[in-house]
Structure formats: structure tokens, C-alpha cells
Amino acid sequence: IFFHVPEIITGSIGLAFVAASYYSSLKERKILAA
């Protein structure tokens, strides 16, 4: 609303959070399996 936010930044925000949560989930699953 105040300034233009490039689509690459908008998309990167989503991918970064999903990728980080995916990594944390895999890590947690390995710990539980062990």
C-alpha cells in the first residue's frame, strides 16, 4: 500500500518459511525415530 514489493521477495518469504519448517520436521522425525 505504501511502496512496491517485488514479487520475487513476496514469493521468497513463503518458500523460506515452508522450506525451514520442512527441514525442522525432518529433523524432528529423525530424532523421534531414533
All heavy atoms as atom14 arrays in JSON, in Angstrom:
{
  "sequence": "IFFHVPEIITGSIGLAFVAASYYSSLKERKILAA",
  "atom14_mask": [
    [1, 1, 1, 1, 1, 1, 1, 1, 0, 0, 0, 0, 0, 0],
    [1, 1, 1, 1, 1, 1, 1, 1, 1, 1, 1, 0, 0, 0],
    [1, 1, 1, 1, 1, 1, 1, 1, 1, 1, 1, 0, 0, 0],
    [1, 1, 1, 1, 1, 1, 1, 1, 1, 1, 0, 0, 0, 0],
    [1, 1, 1, 1, 1, 1, 1, 0, 0, 0, 0, 0, 0, 0],
    [1, 1, 1, 1, 1, 1, 1, 0, 0, 0, 0, 0, 0, 0],
    [1, 1, 1, 1, 1, 1, 1, 1, 1, 0, 0, 0, 0, 0],
    [1, 1, 1, 1, 1, 1, 1, 1, 0, 0, 0, 0, 0, 0],
    [1, 1, 1, 1, 1, 1, 1, 1, 0, 0, 0, 0, 0, 0],
    [1, 1, 1, 1, 1, 1, 1, 0, 0, 0, 0, 0, 0, 0],
    [1, 1, 1, 1, 0, 0, 0, 0, 0, 0, 0, 0, 0, 0],
    [1, 1, 1, 1, 1, 1, 0, 0, 0, 0, 0, 0, 0, 0],
    [1, 1, 1, 1, 1, 1, 1, 1, 0, 0, 0, 0, 0, 0],
    [1, 1, 1, 1, 0, 0, 0, 0, 0, 0, 0, 0, 0, 0],
    [1, 1, 1, 1, 1, 1, 1, 1, 0, 0, 0, 0, 0, 0],
    [1, 1, 1, 1, 1, 0, 0, 0, 0, 0, 0, 0, 0, 0],
    [1, 1, 1, 1, 1, 1, 1, 1, 1, 1, 1, 0, 0, 0],
    [1, 1, 1, 1, 1, 1, 1, 0, 0, 0, 0, 0, 0, 0],
    [1, 1, 1, 1, 1, 0, 0, 0, 0, 0, 0, 0, 0, 0],
    [1, 1, 1, 1, 1, 0, 0, 0, 0, 0, 0, 0, 0, 0],
    [1, 1, 1, 1, 1, 1, 0, 0, 0, 0, 0, 0, 0, 0],
    [1, 1, 1, 1, 1, 1, 1, 1, 1, 1, 1, 1, 0, 0],
    [1, 1, 1, 1, 1, 1, 1, 1, 1, 1, 1, 1, 0, 0],
    [1, 1, 1, 1, 1, 1, 0, 0, 0, 0, 0, 0, 0, 0],
    [1, 1, 1, 1, 1, 1, 0, 0, 0, 0, 0, 0, 0, 0],
    [1, 1, 1, 1, 1, 1, 1, 1, 0, 0, 0, 0, 0, 0],
    [1, 1, 1, 1, 1, 1, 1, 1, 1, 0, 0, 0, 0, 0],
    [1, 1, 1, 1, 1, 1, 1, 1, 1, 0, 0, 0, 0, 0],
    [1, 1, 1, 1, 1, 1, 1, 1, 1, 1, 1, 0, 0, 0],
    [1, 1, 1, 1, 1, 1, 1, 1, 1, 0, 0, 0, 0, 0],
    [1, 1, 1, 1, 1, 1, 1, 1, 0, 0, 0, 0, 0, 0],
    [1, 1, 1, 1, 1, 1, 1, 1, 0, 0, 0, 0, 0, 0],
    [1, 1, 1, 1, 1, 0, 0, 0, 0, 0, 0, 0, 0, 0],
    [1, 1, 1, 1, 1, 0, 0, 0, 0, 0, 0, 0, 0, 0]
  ],
  "atom14_positions": [
    [[0.85, -1.2, 0.0], [0.0, 0.0, 0.0], [0.88, 1.25, 0.0], [0.53, 2.28, -0.58], [-0.93, 0.01, 1.23], [-1.89, -1.18, 1.17], [-1.71, 1.32, 1.34], [-2.79, -1.3, 2.39], [0.0, 0.0, 0.0], [0.0, 0.0, 0.0], [0.0, 0.0, 0.0], [0.0, 0.0, 0.0], [0.0, 0.0, 0.0], [0.0, 0.0, 0.0]],
    [[2.06, 1.14, 0.63], [2.97, 2.27, 0.75], [4.01, 2.29, -0.37], [4.39, 3.35, -0.86], [3.69, 2.24, 2.1], [2.77, 2.29, 3.28], [2.39, 1.12, 3.93], [2.27, 3.49, 3.75], [1.55, 1.15, 5.03], [1.43, 3.53, 4.84], [1.06, 2.37, 5.48], [0.0, 0.0, 0.0], [0.0, 0.0, 0.0], [0.0, 0.0, 0.0]],
    [[4.51, 1.11, -0.76], [5.55, 1.05, -1.79], [5.47, -0.31, -2.48], [4.86, -1.25, -1.97], [6.94, 1.24, -1.17], [7.22, 0.33, -0.01], [7.69, -0.97, -0.18], [7.01, 0.78, 1.3], [7.94, -1.8, 0.89], [7.27, -0.05, 2.38], [7.73, -1.34, 2.18], [0.0, 0.0, 0.0], [0.0, 0.0, 0.0], [0.0, 0.0, 0.0]],
    [[6.07, -0.39, -3.65], [6.02, -1.62, -4.44], [6.92, -2.68, -3.82], [8.09, -2.43, -3.51], [6.48, -1.36, -5.88], [6.58, -2.6, -6.71], [5.48, -3.37, -7.04], [7.66, -3.22, -7.26], [5.87, -4.4, -7.76], [7.18, -4.33, -7.92], [0.0, 0.0, 0.0], [0.0, 0.0, 0.0], [0.0, 0.0, 0.0], [0.0, 0.0, 0.0]],
    [[6.37, -3.86, -3.61], [7.14, -5.0, -3.1], [7.33, -5.98, -4.25], [6.34, -6.54, -4.76], [6.4, -5.7, -1.94], [7.21, -6.89, -1.44], [6.14, -4.71, -0.8], [0.0, 0.0, 0.0], [0.0, 0.0, 0.0], [0.0, 0.0, 0.0], [0.0, 0.0, 0.0], [0.0, 0.0, 0.0], [0.0, 0.0, 0.0], [0.0, 0.0, 0.0]],
    [[8.55, -6.2, -4.73], [8.78, -7.11, -5.85], [8.24, -8.51, -5.58], [8.32, -9.0, -4.44], [10.31, -7.12, -5.99], [10.75, -5.84, -5.37], [9.8, -5.59, -4.24], [0.0, 0.0, 0.0], [0.0, 0.0, 0.0], [0.0, 0.0, 0.0], [0.0, 0.0, 0.0], [0.0, 0.0, 0.0], [0.0, 0.0, 0.0], [0.0, 0.0, 0.0]],
    [[7.69, -9.14, -6.62], [7.1, -10.46, -6.46], [8.13, -11.5, -6.02], [7.79, -12.46, -5.33], [6.45, -10.91, -7.79], [5.13, -10.25, -8.1], [5.26, -8.78, -8.46], [6.34, -8.38, -8.96], [4.3, -8.02, -8.23], [0.0, 0.0, 0.0], [0.0, 0.0, 0.0], [0.0, 0.0, 0.0], [0.0, 0.0, 0.0], [0.0, 0.0, 0.0]],
    [[9.39, -11.3, -6.4], [10.43, -12.25, -6.02], [10.61, -12.27, -4.5], [10.86, -13.31, -3.89], [11.77, -11.9, -6.72], [12.83, -12.94, -6.41], [12.24, -10.51, -6.31], [12.53, -14.31, -6.96], [0.0, 0.0, 0.0], [0.0, 0.0, 0.0], [0.0, 0.0, 0.0], [0.0, 0.0, 0.0], [0.0, 0.0, 0.0], [0.0, 0.0, 0.0]],
    [[10.43, -11.1, -3.87], [10.54, -11.03, -2.41], [9.33, -11.69, -1.77], [9.46, -12.47, -0.81], [10.66, -9.56, -1.95], [11.98, -8.95, -2.45], [10.57, -9.46, -0.42], [12.17, -7.5, -2.06], [0.0, 0.0, 0.0], [0.0, 0.0, 0.0], [0.0, 0.0, 0.0], [0.0, 0.0, 0.0], [0.0, 0.0, 0.0], [0.0, 0.0, 0.0]],
    [[8.14, -11.39, -2.29], [6.92, -11.99, -1.75], [6.97, -13.51, -1.83], [6.62, -14.2, -0.86], [5.69, -11.48, -2.53], [5.68, -10.06, -2.52], [4.4, -11.99, -1.9], [0.0, 0.0, 0.0], [0.0, 0.0, 0.0], [0.0, 0.0, 0.0], [0.0, 0.0, 0.0], [0.0, 0.0, 0.0], [0.0, 0.0, 0.0], [0.0, 0.0, 0.0]],
    [[7.4, -14.03, -2.98], [7.49, -15.48, -3.14], [8.57, -16.1, -2.28], [8.4, -17.2, -1.74], [0.0, 0.0, 0.0], [0.0, 0.0, 0.0], [0.0, 0.0, 0.0], [0.0, 0.0, 0.0], [0.0, 0.0, 0.0], [0.0, 0.0, 0.0], [0.0, 0.0, 0.0], [0.0, 0.0, 0.0], [0.0, 0.0, 0.0], [0.0, 0.0, 0.0]],
    [[9.7, -15.39, -2.13], [10.81, -15.92, -1.35], [10.45, -16.06, 0.12], [10.92, -16.98, 0.8], [12.03, -15.01, -1.5], [12.45, -14.95, -2.84], [0.0, 0.0, 0.0], [0.0, 0.0, 0.0], [0.0, 0.0, 0.0], [0.0, 0.0, 0.0], [0.0, 0.0, 0.0], [0.0, 0.0, 0.0], [0.0, 0.0, 0.0], [0.0, 0.0, 0.0]],
    [[9.63, -15.14, 0.63], [9.21, -15.21, 2.03], [8.49, -16.53, 2.31], [8.79, -17.24, 3.27], [8.28, -14.02, 2.39], [9.05, -12.71, 2.35], [7.65, -14.22, 3.78], [8.18, -11.48, 2.52], [0.0, 0.0, 0.0], [0.0, 0.0, 0.0], [0.0, 0.0, 0.0], [0.0, 0.0, 0.0], [0.0, 0.0, 0.0], [0.0, 0.0, 0.0]],
    [[7.53, -16.86, 1.44], [6.77, -18.1, 1.61], [7.64, -19.33, 1.5], [7.57, -20.23, 2.34], [0.0, 0.0, 0.0], [0.0, 0.0, 0.0], [0.0, 0.0, 0.0], [0.0, 0.0, 0.0], [0.0, 0.0, 0.0], [0.0, 0.0, 0.0], [0.0, 0.0, 0.0], [0.0, 0.0, 0.0], [0.0, 0.0, 0.0], [0.0, 0.0, 0.0]],
    [[8.49, -19.36, 0.47], [9.35, -20.52, 0.27], [10.33, -20.71, 1.43], [10.6, -21.83, 1.86], [10.13, -20.37, -1.04], [9.39, -20.73, -2.32], [10.29, -20.52, -3.53], [8.9, -22.17, -2.29], [0.0, 0.0, 0.0], [0.0, 0.0, 0.0], [0.0, 0.0, 0.0], [0.0, 0.0, 0.0], [0.0, 0.0, 0.0], [0.0, 0.0, 0.0]],
    [[10.85, -19.61, 1.96], [11.82, -19.69, 3.05], [11.19, -20.31, 4.3], [11.77, -21.2, 4.92], [12.36, -18.3, 3.36], [0.0, 0.0, 0.0], [0.0, 0.0, 0.0], [0.0, 0.0, 0.0], [0.0, 0.0, 0.0], [0.0, 0.0, 0.0], [0.0, 0.0, 0.0], [0.0, 0.0, 0.0], [0.0, 0.0, 0.0], [0.0, 0.0, 0.0]],
    [[9.99, -19.86, 4.66], [9.32, -20.4, 5.85], [8.94, -21.86, 5.67], [9.15, -22.69, 6.58], [8.07, -19.57, 6.18], [8.35, -18.34, 6.98], [8.08, -17.08, 6.47], [8.88, -18.44, 8.26], [8.35, -15.94, 7.21], [9.14, -17.31, 9.01], [8.87, -16.05, 8.5], [0.0, 0.0, 0.0], [0.0, 0.0, 0.0], [0.0, 0.0, 0.0]],
    [[8.39, -22.2, 4.5], [7.98, -23.58, 4.26], [9.2, -24.5, 4.22], [9.18, -25.61, 4.79], [7.19, -23.68, 2.94], [6.93, -25.14, 2.57], [5.86, -22.95, 3.05], [0.0, 0.0, 0.0], [0.0, 0.0, 0.0], [0.0, 0.0, 0.0], [0.0, 0.0, 0.0], [0.0, 0.0, 0.0], [0.0, 0.0, 0.0], [0.0, 0.0, 0.0]],
    [[10.26, -24.06, 3.57], [11.48, -24.87, 3.5], [12.09, -25.08, 4.88], [12.52, -26.18, 5.23], [12.5, -24.21, 2.57], [0.0, 0.0, 0.0], [0.0, 0.0, 0.0], [0.0, 0.0, 0.0], [0.0, 0.0, 0.0], [0.0, 0.0, 0.0], [0.0, 0.0, 0.0], [0.0, 0.0, 0.0], [0.0, 0.0, 0.0], [0.0, 0.0, 0.0]],
    [[12.11, -24.02, 5.7], [12.67, -24.13, 7.05], [11.84, -25.07, 7.92], [12.39, -25.88, 8.68], [12.74, -22.74, 7.69], [0.0, 0.0, 0.0], [0.0, 0.0, 0.0], [0.0, 0.0, 0.0], [0.0, 0.0, 0.0], [0.0, 0.0, 0.0], [0.0, 0.0, 0.0], [0.0, 0.0, 0.0], [0.0, 0.0, 0.0], [0.0, 0.0, 0.0]],
    [[10.5, -24.96, 7.81], [9.64, -25.84, 8.6], [9.74, -27.29, 8.13], [9.65, -28.23, 8.92], [8.18, -25.37, 8.52], [7.69, -25.42, 7.2], [0.0, 0.0, 0.0], [0.0, 0.0, 0.0], [0.0, 0.0, 0.0], [0.0, 0.0, 0.0], [0.0, 0.0, 0.0], [0.0, 0.0, 0.0], [0.0, 0.0, 0.0], [0.0, 0.0, 0.0]],
    [[9.95, -27.48, 6.83], [10.15, -28.83, 6.29], [11.42, -29.45, 6.84], [11.44, -30.62, 7.27], [10.21, -28.76, 4.76], [10.48, -30.09, 4.09], [9.47, -31.04, 3.95], [11.74, -30.39, 3.58], [9.72, -32.27, 3.34], [12.01, -31.6, 2.96], [10.98, -32.54, 2.84], [11.24, -33.74, 2.24], [0.0, 0.0, 0.0], [0.0, 0.0, 0.0]],
    [[12.5, -28.66, 6.88], [13.77, -29.15, 7.42], [13.62, -29.49, 8.91], [14.11, -30.53, 9.37], [14.85, -28.09, 7.22], [16.16, -28.42, 7.9], [17.04, -29.36, 7.34], [16.52, -27.8, 9.1], [18.24, -29.67, 7.97], [17.72, -28.11, 9.73], [18.57, -29.04, 9.16], [19.74, -29.35, 9.8], [0.0, 0.0, 0.0], [0.0, 0.0, 0.0]],
    [[12.95, -28.62, 9.65], [12.75, -28.87, 11.08], [11.91, -30.12, 11.31], [12.15, -30.89, 12.24], [12.06, -27.67, 11.74], [12.87, -26.52, 11.65], [0.0, 0.0, 0.0], [0.0, 0.0, 0.0], [0.0, 0.0, 0.0], [0.0, 0.0, 0.0], [0.0, 0.0, 0.0], [0.0, 0.0, 0.0], [0.0, 0.0, 0.0], [0.0, 0.0, 0.0]],
    [[10.92, -30.33, 10.43], [10.07, -31.51, 10.56], [10.86, -32.79, 10.32], [10.7, -33.79, 11.04], [8.9, -31.42, 9.57], [8.11, -30.28, 9.83], [0.0, 0.0, 0.0], [0.0, 0.0, 0.0], [0.0, 0.0, 0.0], [0.0, 0.0, 0.0], [0.0, 0.0, 0.0], [0.0, 0.0, 0.0], [0.0, 0.0, 0.0], [0.0, 0.0, 0.0]],
    [[11.71, -32.78, 9.29], [12.54, -33.95, 9.01], [13.49, -34.23, 10.16], [13.7, -35.39, 10.56], [13.34, -33.72, 7.72], [12.57, -33.74, 6.4], [13.53, -33.51, 5.24], [11.85, -35.07, 6.21], [0.0, 0.0, 0.0], [0.0, 0.0, 0.0], [0.0, 0.0, 0.0], [0.0, 0.0, 0.0], [0.0, 0.0, 0.0], [0.0, 0.0, 0.0]],
    [[14.06, -33.17, 10.7], [14.98, -33.31, 11.82], [14.27, -33.9, 13.04], [14.79, -34.8, 13.7], [15.58, -31.94, 12.17], [16.69, -31.98, 13.18], [17.28, -30.59, 13.38], [18.4, -30.63, 14.42], [18.98, -29.26, 14.63], [0.0, 0.0, 0.0], [0.0, 0.0, 0.0], [0.0, 0.0, 0.0], [0.0, 0.0, 0.0], [0.0, 0.0, 0.0]],
    [[13.06, -33.41, 13.3], [12.28, -33.91, 14.45], [11.89, -35.37, 14.24], [11.9, -36.17, 15.18], [11.03, -33.04, 14.61], [10.12, -33.43, 15.75], [10.69, -33.08, 17.11], [11.7, -32.33, 17.15], [10.17, -33.55, 18.12], [0.0, 0.0, 0.0], [0.0, 0.0, 0.0], [0.0, 0.0, 0.0], [0.0, 0.0, 0.0], [0.0, 0.0, 0.0]],
    [[11.54, -35.7, 13.0], [11.14, -37.09, 12.71], [12.3, -38.05, 12.91], [12.11, -39.17, 13.41], [10.62, -37.18, 11.27], [9.94, -38.5, 10.94], [9.2, -38.41, 9.61], [10.09, -38.26, 8.48], [9.68, -38.17, 7.21], [8.38, -38.2, 6.96], [10.53, -38.03, 6.24], [0.0, 0.0, 0.0], [0.0, 0.0, 0.0], [0.0, 0.0, 0.0]],
    [[13.5, -37.65, 12.53], [14.67, -38.49, 12.74], [14.96, -38.7, 14.22], [15.34, -39.79, 14.65], [15.89, -37.86, 12.03], [15.82, -37.92, 10.53], [17.05, -37.28, 9.91], [16.99, -37.35, 8.38], [18.18, -36.69, 7.75], [0.0, 0.0, 0.0], [0.0, 0.0, 0.0], [0.0, 0.0, 0.0], [0.0, 0.0, 0.0], [0.0, 0.0, 0.0]],
    [[14.77, -37.64, 15.01], [15.01, -37.72, 16.46], [14.03, -38.69, 17.09], [14.39, -39.54, 17.92], [14.89, -36.33, 17.11], [16.03, -35.43, 16.63], [14.9, -36.43, 18.62], [15.92, -34.0, 17.12], [0.0, 0.0, 0.0], [0.0, 0.0, 0.0], [0.0, 0.0, 0.0], [0.0, 0.0, 0.0], [0.0, 0.0, 0.0], [0.0, 0.0, 0.0]],
    [[12.75, -38.58, 16.69], [11.72, -39.47, 17.24], [11.97, -40.92, 16.82], [11.73, -41.85, 17.6], [10.33, -39.02, 16.78], [9.85, -37.67, 17.34], [8.5, -37.29, 16.73], [9.72, -37.74, 18.86], [0.0, 0.0, 0.0], [0.0, 0.0, 0.0], [0.0, 0.0, 0.0], [0.0, 0.0, 0.0], [0.0, 0.0, 0.0], [0.0, 0.0, 0.0]],
    [[12.4, -41.09, 15.56], [12.67, -42.46, 15.08], [13.84, -43.09, 15.83], [13.87, -44.29, 16.08], [12.97, -42.41, 13.58], [0.0, 0.0, 0.0], [0.0, 0.0, 0.0], [0.0, 0.0, 0.0], [0.0, 0.0, 0.0], [0.0, 0.0, 0.0], [0.0, 0.0, 0.0], [0.0, 0.0, 0.0], [0.0, 0.0, 0.0], [0.0, 0.0, 0.0]],
    [[14.82, -42.25, 16.2], [15.99, -42.78, 16.92], [15.64, -43.11, 18.36], [16.25, -43.99, 18.97], [17.11, -41.74, 16.88], [0.0, 0.0, 0.0], [0.0, 0.0, 0.0], [0.0, 0.0, 0.0], [0.0, 0.0, 0.0], [0.0, 0.0, 0.0], [0.0, 0.0, 0.0], [0.0, 0.0, 0.0], [0.0, 0.0, 0.0], [0.0, 0.0, 0.0]]
  ]
}
